[in-house]
N, C-alpha and C. Protein backbone atom coordinates (compact mmCIF):
# COMPACT_ATOMS: atom_id res chain seq x y z
N UNK A 1 15.15 7.68 -11.29
CA UNK A 1 15.75 7.15 -10.07
C UNK A 1 17.25 7.42 -10.13
N UNK A 2 17.82 8.00 -9.09
CA UNK A 2 19.26 8.29 -9.12
C UNK A 2 20.08 7.02 -9.13
N UNK A 3 21.19 7.06 -9.83
CA UNK A 3 22.06 5.89 -9.85
C UNK A 3 22.73 5.74 -8.49
N UNK A 4 23.08 4.49 -8.15
CA UNK A 4 23.70 4.24 -6.86
C UNK A 4 22.70 4.23 -5.72
N UNK A 5 21.42 4.00 -6.02
CA UNK A 5 20.41 3.95 -4.97
C UNK A 5 19.63 2.64 -5.02
N UNK A 6 20.34 1.51 -5.03
CA UNK A 6 19.61 0.23 -5.07
C UNK A 6 18.79 0.00 -3.82
N UNK A 7 19.26 0.53 -2.68
CA UNK A 7 18.51 0.38 -1.43
C UNK A 7 17.16 1.09 -1.55
N UNK A 8 17.17 2.31 -2.09
CA UNK A 8 15.93 3.05 -2.27
C UNK A 8 14.97 2.30 -3.17
N UNK A 9 15.50 1.73 -4.26
CA UNK A 9 14.65 0.97 -5.18
C UNK A 9 14.06 -0.24 -4.47
N UNK A 10 14.87 -0.91 -3.65
CA UNK A 10 14.37 -2.07 -2.92
C UNK A 10 13.27 -1.69 -1.95
N UNK A 11 13.44 -0.55 -1.28
CA UNK A 11 12.42 -0.09 -0.33
C UNK A 11 11.12 0.19 -1.07
N UNK A 12 11.21 0.86 -2.22
CA UNK A 12 10.01 1.17 -3.00
C UNK A 12 9.30 -0.12 -3.41
N UNK A 13 10.08 -1.10 -3.87
CA UNK A 13 9.48 -2.37 -4.31
C UNK A 13 8.76 -3.05 -3.15
N UNK A 14 9.41 -3.08 -1.99
CA UNK A 14 8.80 -3.72 -0.81
C UNK A 14 7.51 -3.00 -0.42
N UNK A 15 7.55 -1.67 -0.39
CA UNK A 15 6.36 -0.90 -0.01
C UNK A 15 5.23 -1.14 -0.99
N UNK A 16 5.54 -1.13 -2.28
CA UNK A 16 4.51 -1.33 -3.30
C UNK A 16 3.90 -2.73 -3.16
N UNK A 17 4.75 -3.74 -2.96
CA UNK A 17 4.24 -5.11 -2.81
C UNK A 17 3.33 -5.22 -1.59
N UNK A 18 3.75 -4.63 -0.48
CA UNK A 18 2.94 -4.68 0.74
C UNK A 18 1.59 -4.01 0.50
N UNK A 19 1.60 -2.85 -0.15
CA UNK A 19 0.35 -2.13 -0.39
C UNK A 19 -0.56 -2.93 -1.31
N UNK A 20 0.01 -3.53 -2.35
CA UNK A 20 -0.81 -4.33 -3.27
C UNK A 20 -1.45 -5.50 -2.52
N UNK A 21 -0.66 -6.17 -1.68
CA UNK A 21 -1.20 -7.30 -0.91
C UNK A 21 -2.33 -6.82 0.01
N UNK A 22 -2.10 -5.69 0.69
CA UNK A 22 -3.13 -5.16 1.59
C UNK A 22 -4.40 -4.82 0.82
N UNK A 23 -4.25 -4.17 -0.33
CA UNK A 23 -5.43 -3.79 -1.10
C UNK A 23 -6.17 -5.01 -1.63
N UNK A 24 -5.42 -6.04 -2.03
CA UNK A 24 -6.07 -7.28 -2.50
C UNK A 24 -6.83 -7.93 -1.35
N UNK A 25 -6.20 -8.00 -0.18
CA UNK A 25 -6.88 -8.59 0.98
C UNK A 25 -8.13 -7.79 1.34
N UNK A 26 -8.01 -6.47 1.32
CA UNK A 26 -9.18 -5.62 1.62
C UNK A 26 -10.28 -5.86 0.60
N UNK A 27 -9.88 -5.98 -0.66
CA UNK A 27 -10.87 -6.24 -1.71
C UNK A 27 -11.58 -7.56 -1.50
N UNK A 28 -10.82 -8.60 -1.16
CA UNK A 28 -11.42 -9.91 -0.93
C UNK A 28 -12.31 -9.88 0.31
N UNK A 29 -11.82 -9.25 1.38
CA UNK A 29 -12.60 -9.20 2.62
C UNK A 29 -13.87 -8.37 2.43
N UNK A 30 -13.78 -7.34 1.60
CA UNK A 30 -14.95 -6.47 1.42
C UNK A 30 -16.10 -7.23 0.75
N UNK A 31 -15.77 -8.32 0.05
CA UNK A 31 -16.82 -9.14 -0.54
C UNK A 31 -17.48 -10.03 0.51
N UNK A 32 -16.78 -10.26 1.63
CA UNK A 32 -17.25 -11.22 2.61
C UNK A 32 -17.85 -10.59 3.86
N UNK A 33 -17.38 -9.39 4.21
CA UNK A 33 -17.78 -8.81 5.49
C UNK A 33 -18.87 -7.77 5.29
N UNK A 34 -19.66 -7.49 6.34
CA UNK A 34 -20.70 -6.46 6.24
C UNK A 34 -20.12 -5.06 6.13
N UNK A 35 -20.97 -4.11 5.84
CA UNK A 35 -20.52 -2.76 5.48
C UNK A 35 -19.69 -2.05 6.55
N UNK A 36 -20.07 -2.05 7.84
CA UNK A 36 -19.25 -1.30 8.83
C UNK A 36 -17.82 -1.80 8.89
N UNK A 37 -17.63 -3.11 8.84
CA UNK A 37 -16.28 -3.66 8.86
C UNK A 37 -15.54 -3.28 7.58
N UNK A 38 -16.25 -3.25 6.47
CA UNK A 38 -15.64 -2.86 5.20
C UNK A 38 -15.13 -1.43 5.28
N UNK A 39 -15.93 -0.54 5.86
CA UNK A 39 -15.51 0.86 6.01
C UNK A 39 -14.27 0.95 6.88
N UNK A 40 -14.23 0.15 7.95
CA UNK A 40 -13.06 0.17 8.84
C UNK A 40 -11.82 -0.32 8.10
N UNK A 41 -11.98 -1.37 7.30
CA UNK A 41 -10.84 -1.88 6.54
C UNK A 41 -10.33 -0.85 5.55
N UNK A 42 -11.24 -0.16 4.88
CA UNK A 42 -10.82 0.87 3.93
C UNK A 42 -10.10 1.99 4.66
N UNK A 43 -10.58 2.36 5.85
CA UNK A 43 -9.93 3.41 6.62
C UNK A 43 -8.52 2.98 7.03
N UNK A 44 -8.34 1.70 7.33
CA UNK A 44 -7.02 1.20 7.69
C UNK A 44 -6.11 1.13 6.47
N UNK A 45 -6.65 0.80 5.32
CA UNK A 45 -5.83 0.65 4.12
C UNK A 45 -5.41 2.00 3.57
N UNK A 46 -6.23 3.03 3.78
CA UNK A 46 -5.94 4.33 3.16
C UNK A 46 -4.61 4.93 3.60
N UNK A 47 -4.29 4.96 4.91
CA UNK A 47 -2.98 5.53 5.29
C UNK A 47 -1.82 4.76 4.69
N UNK A 48 -1.95 3.44 4.57
CA UNK A 48 -0.88 2.65 3.97
C UNK A 48 -0.68 3.05 2.51
N UNK A 49 -1.77 3.24 1.80
CA UNK A 49 -1.67 3.65 0.40
C UNK A 49 -1.07 5.04 0.29
N UNK A 50 -1.50 5.95 1.15
CA UNK A 50 -0.95 7.30 1.13
C UNK A 50 0.54 7.28 1.41
N UNK A 51 0.95 6.49 2.41
CA UNK A 51 2.36 6.38 2.75
C UNK A 51 3.15 5.82 1.57
N UNK A 52 2.60 4.84 0.89
CA UNK A 52 3.29 4.26 -0.26
C UNK A 52 3.42 5.30 -1.37
N UNK A 53 2.37 6.05 -1.63
CA UNK A 53 2.42 7.09 -2.66
C UNK A 53 3.51 8.11 -2.34
N UNK A 54 3.58 8.53 -1.08
CA UNK A 54 4.60 9.50 -0.68
C UNK A 54 5.99 8.91 -0.84
N UNK A 55 6.16 7.65 -0.44
CA UNK A 55 7.47 7.00 -0.54
C UNK A 55 7.90 6.92 -1.99
N UNK A 56 6.98 6.54 -2.86
CA UNK A 56 7.31 6.43 -4.29
C UNK A 56 7.71 7.80 -4.83
N UNK A 57 6.98 8.84 -4.45
CA UNK A 57 7.30 10.19 -4.94
C UNK A 57 8.67 10.64 -4.46
N UNK A 58 9.02 10.29 -3.22
CA UNK A 58 10.32 10.70 -2.68
C UNK A 58 11.45 10.05 -3.46
N UNK A 59 11.30 8.78 -3.80
CA UNK A 59 12.40 8.04 -4.43
C UNK A 59 12.46 8.24 -5.93
N UNK A 60 11.38 8.69 -6.55
CA UNK A 60 11.40 8.86 -8.02
C UNK A 60 11.93 10.25 -8.35
């Protein structure tokens, strides 16, 4: 991580926390909801995870 980029580090932390929360919620919901809804939730979570991966790669 380049020095003098605390804002970038903060953004990465926020994105990672949001993605972890989303994935945990999806995991919990997938235990409770039927399969079609589970597939929809996974489809919604996937772009968020991809975006987080890209963001992390950009800042590292």
